[in-house]
Amino acid sequence: MPEAAGGEAPALSARVVEILPSALFRVELAGQGRPQATVHLAPEAGLLRVRPGDAVLVRLSPVDPGRGRIVGLQ
């Protein structure tokens, strides 16, 4: 996967499919499967409420592409 400036993976467009225990979500990427993701925001960004069906931006882990972070809503 190509990396964005600063060494981070680029944010990909995804859709939340289901809510899992322990603040995890199953998201669906276009043509890349259904990885698990957790919400990751800077403390000053405030609360992000995510529900099934929401369009989100996800950064996949470079070590495990089956895991990622939800970095914002679309």
N, C-alpha and C. Protein backbone atom coordinates (compact mmCIF):
# COMPACT_ATOMS: atom_id res chain seq x y z
N MET A 1 0.85 -1.17 0.00
CA MET A 1 0.00 0.00 0.00
C MET A 1 0.89 1.23 0.00
N PRO A 2 0.62 2.23 -0.83
CA PRO A 2 1.42 3.44 -0.84
C PRO A 2 1.22 4.22 0.44
N GLU A 3 2.28 4.89 0.89
CA GLU A 3 2.20 5.65 2.12
C GLU A 3 2.04 7.14 1.82
N ALA A 4 1.29 7.82 2.66
CA ALA A 4 1.09 9.26 2.53
C ALA A 4 2.27 9.98 3.16
N ALA A 5 2.32 11.28 2.97
CA ALA A 5 3.39 12.08 3.56
C ALA A 5 3.38 11.94 5.07
N GLY A 6 4.55 11.89 5.67
CA GLY A 6 4.63 11.74 7.11
C GLY A 6 4.67 10.29 7.56
N GLY A 7 4.72 9.33 6.63
CA GLY A 7 4.83 7.93 6.98
C GLY A 7 3.52 7.25 7.33
N GLU A 8 2.40 7.94 7.22
CA GLU A 8 1.11 7.33 7.52
C GLU A 8 0.47 6.78 6.26
N ALA A 9 -0.33 5.74 6.43
CA ALA A 9 -1.07 5.18 5.31
C ALA A 9 -2.15 6.17 4.88
N PRO A 10 -2.51 6.20 3.61
CA PRO A 10 -3.56 7.13 3.17
C PRO A 10 -4.92 6.73 3.73
N ALA A 11 -5.79 7.70 3.92
CA ALA A 11 -7.14 7.43 4.42
C ALA A 11 -7.98 6.87 3.27
N LEU A 12 -8.65 5.76 3.52
CA LEU A 12 -9.49 5.11 2.52
C LEU A 12 -10.95 5.30 2.88
N SER A 13 -11.79 5.33 1.88
CA SER A 13 -13.21 5.47 2.07
C SER A 13 -13.80 4.11 2.45
N ALA A 14 -14.68 4.09 3.45
CA ALA A 14 -15.28 2.84 3.91
C ALA A 14 -16.68 3.11 4.44
N ARG A 15 -17.40 2.02 4.72
CA ARG A 15 -18.75 2.11 5.29
C ARG A 15 -18.80 1.19 6.50
N VAL A 16 -19.37 1.67 7.62
CA VAL A 16 -19.49 0.85 8.83
C VAL A 16 -20.57 -0.20 8.59
N VAL A 17 -20.22 -1.46 8.83
CA VAL A 17 -21.15 -2.57 8.61
C VAL A 17 -21.80 -3.01 9.92
N GLU A 18 -20.98 -3.15 10.98
CA GLU A 18 -21.54 -3.58 12.27
C GLU A 18 -20.68 -3.07 13.41
N ILE A 19 -21.30 -3.00 14.59
CA ILE A 19 -20.61 -2.61 15.81
C ILE A 19 -20.21 -3.89 16.53
N LEU A 20 -18.94 -3.97 16.93
CA LEU A 20 -18.41 -5.13 17.65
C LEU A 20 -18.12 -4.74 19.09
N PRO A 21 -17.92 -5.72 19.98
CA PRO A 21 -17.58 -5.39 21.37
C PRO A 21 -16.24 -4.66 21.47
N SER A 22 -16.00 -4.02 22.60
CA SER A 22 -14.74 -3.34 22.93
C SER A 22 -14.43 -2.18 21.99
N ALA A 23 -15.43 -1.42 21.62
CA ALA A 23 -15.26 -0.21 20.79
C ALA A 23 -14.64 -0.51 19.43
N LEU A 24 -14.93 -1.69 18.87
CA LEU A 24 -14.47 -2.04 17.53
C LEU A 24 -15.64 -1.98 16.56
N PHE A 25 -15.32 -1.76 15.30
CA PHE A 25 -16.32 -1.70 14.25
C PHE A 25 -15.85 -2.54 13.09
N ARG A 26 -16.77 -3.19 12.39
CA ARG A 26 -16.45 -3.88 11.13
C ARG A 26 -16.79 -2.89 10.04
N VAL A 27 -15.81 -2.59 9.18
CA VAL A 27 -16.02 -1.66 8.08
C VAL A 27 -15.83 -2.39 6.76
N GLU A 28 -16.45 -1.85 5.71
CA GLU A 28 -16.37 -2.45 4.38
C GLU A 28 -15.65 -1.48 3.45
N LEU A 29 -14.51 -1.94 2.93
CA LEU A 29 -13.75 -1.14 1.96
C LEU A 29 -14.11 -1.61 0.56
N ALA A 30 -14.09 -0.71 -0.39
CA ALA A 30 -14.41 -1.07 -1.78
C ALA A 30 -13.33 -2.01 -2.32
N GLY A 31 -13.65 -3.27 -2.48
CA GLY A 31 -12.75 -4.23 -3.09
C GLY A 31 -11.60 -4.69 -2.21
N GLN A 32 -11.60 -4.36 -0.91
CA GLN A 32 -10.49 -4.76 -0.05
C GLN A 32 -10.95 -5.52 1.18
N GLY A 33 -12.13 -6.05 1.19
CA GLY A 33 -12.57 -6.84 2.32
C GLY A 33 -13.23 -6.04 3.43
N ARG A 34 -13.29 -6.67 4.61
CA ARG A 34 -13.97 -6.08 5.76
C ARG A 34 -13.07 -6.11 7.00
N PRO A 35 -12.14 -5.19 7.13
CA PRO A 35 -11.28 -5.17 8.32
C PRO A 35 -12.00 -4.65 9.55
N GLN A 36 -11.42 -4.89 10.73
CA GLN A 36 -11.91 -4.31 11.97
C GLN A 36 -11.24 -2.96 12.15
N ALA A 37 -11.97 -2.02 12.74
CA ALA A 37 -11.40 -0.69 12.95
C ALA A 37 -11.88 -0.14 14.29
N THR A 38 -11.07 0.72 14.87
CA THR A 38 -11.42 1.43 16.09
C THR A 38 -11.39 2.93 15.79
N VAL A 39 -12.12 3.71 16.57
CA VAL A 39 -12.13 5.16 16.37
C VAL A 39 -10.85 5.75 16.94
N HIS A 40 -10.18 6.58 16.18
CA HIS A 40 -8.95 7.22 16.61
C HIS A 40 -9.02 8.69 16.24
N LEU A 41 -9.12 9.55 17.25
CA LEU A 41 -9.16 10.99 17.02
C LEU A 41 -8.23 11.70 17.99
N ALA A 42 -7.75 12.83 17.60
CA ALA A 42 -6.95 13.66 18.49
C ALA A 42 -7.85 14.15 19.63
N PRO A 43 -7.30 14.33 20.82
CA PRO A 43 -8.13 14.77 21.96
C PRO A 43 -8.90 16.07 21.71
N GLU A 44 -8.32 16.99 20.95
CA GLU A 44 -9.01 18.26 20.71
C GLU A 44 -10.14 18.14 19.69
N ALA A 45 -10.23 16.99 19.01
CA ALA A 45 -11.27 16.82 17.99
C ALA A 45 -12.63 16.54 18.60
N GLY A 46 -12.68 16.05 19.82
CA GLY A 46 -13.96 15.78 20.46
C GLY A 46 -14.48 14.38 20.16
N LEU A 47 -15.75 14.18 20.40
CA LEU A 47 -16.40 12.88 20.27
C LEU A 47 -16.81 12.62 18.82
N LEU A 48 -16.64 11.39 18.38
CA LEU A 48 -17.10 10.98 17.06
C LEU A 48 -18.06 9.83 17.24
N ARG A 49 -19.31 10.03 16.88
CA ARG A 49 -20.32 8.98 17.00
C ARG A 49 -20.41 8.25 15.66
N VAL A 50 -20.24 6.94 15.70
CA VAL A 50 -20.24 6.11 14.50
C VAL A 50 -21.36 5.09 14.62
N ARG A 51 -22.15 4.98 13.57
CA ARG A 51 -23.27 4.03 13.54
C ARG A 51 -23.19 3.19 12.27
N PRO A 52 -23.80 2.01 12.28
CA PRO A 52 -23.83 1.19 11.05
C PRO A 52 -24.44 1.97 9.89
N GLY A 53 -23.79 1.88 8.74
CA GLY A 53 -24.23 2.59 7.55
C GLY A 53 -23.51 3.90 7.31
N ASP A 54 -22.78 4.41 8.31
CA ASP A 54 -22.04 5.68 8.16
C ASP A 54 -20.86 5.51 7.21
N ALA A 55 -20.61 6.53 6.40
CA ALA A 55 -19.42 6.57 5.54
C ALA A 55 -18.29 7.19 6.36
N VAL A 56 -17.15 6.50 6.43
CA VAL A 56 -16.03 6.93 7.26
C VAL A 56 -14.73 6.89 6.46
N LEU A 57 -13.69 7.52 7.02
CA LEU A 57 -12.33 7.43 6.48
C LEU A 57 -11.53 6.52 7.39
N VAL A 58 -10.82 5.54 6.81
CA VAL A 58 -10.08 4.54 7.57
C VAL A 58 -8.63 4.51 7.12
N ARG A 59 -7.70 4.44 8.07
CA ARG A 59 -6.28 4.21 7.78
C ARG A 59 -5.97 2.78 8.22
N LEU A 60 -5.55 1.94 7.29
CA LEU A 60 -5.22 0.56 7.61
C LEU A 60 -3.84 0.48 8.24
N SER A 61 -3.65 -0.51 9.10
CA SER A 61 -2.36 -0.74 9.74
C SER A 61 -1.38 -1.29 8.71
N PRO A 62 -0.14 -0.77 8.67
CA PRO A 62 0.85 -1.32 7.73
C PRO A 62 1.29 -2.73 8.12
N VAL A 63 1.14 -3.08 9.39
CA VAL A 63 1.55 -4.41 9.86
C VAL A 63 0.46 -5.45 9.63
N ASP A 64 -0.81 -5.07 9.89
CA ASP A 64 -1.94 -5.99 9.76
C ASP A 64 -3.05 -5.30 8.98
N PRO A 65 -3.19 -5.58 7.68
CA PRO A 65 -4.23 -4.90 6.89
C PRO A 65 -5.66 -5.29 7.28
N GLY A 66 -5.82 -6.23 8.21
CA GLY A 66 -7.14 -6.59 8.71
C GLY A 66 -7.59 -5.70 9.85
N ARG A 67 -6.76 -4.73 10.24
CA ARG A 67 -7.07 -3.80 11.33
C ARG A 67 -6.84 -2.37 10.84
N GLY A 68 -7.57 -1.44 11.41
CA GLY A 68 -7.41 -0.05 11.01
C GLY A 68 -7.96 0.91 12.03
N ARG A 69 -7.86 2.21 11.73
CA ARG A 69 -8.37 3.27 12.59
C ARG A 69 -9.35 4.11 11.80
N ILE A 70 -10.49 4.41 12.40
CA ILE A 70 -11.42 5.34 11.80
C ILE A 70 -10.94 6.74 12.18
N VAL A 71 -10.58 7.54 11.17
CA VAL A 71 -10.01 8.85 11.45
C VAL A 71 -10.97 10.00 11.18
N GLY A 72 -12.17 9.70 10.69
CA GLY A 72 -13.16 10.77 10.48
C GLY A 72 -14.36 10.28 9.71
N LEU A 73 -15.37 11.13 9.68
CA LEU A 73 -16.57 10.87 8.88
C LEU A 73 -16.40 11.51 7.51
N GLN A 74 -17.11 10.99 6.53
CA GLN A 74 -17.08 11.60 5.20
C GLN A 74 -18.21 12.58 5.06
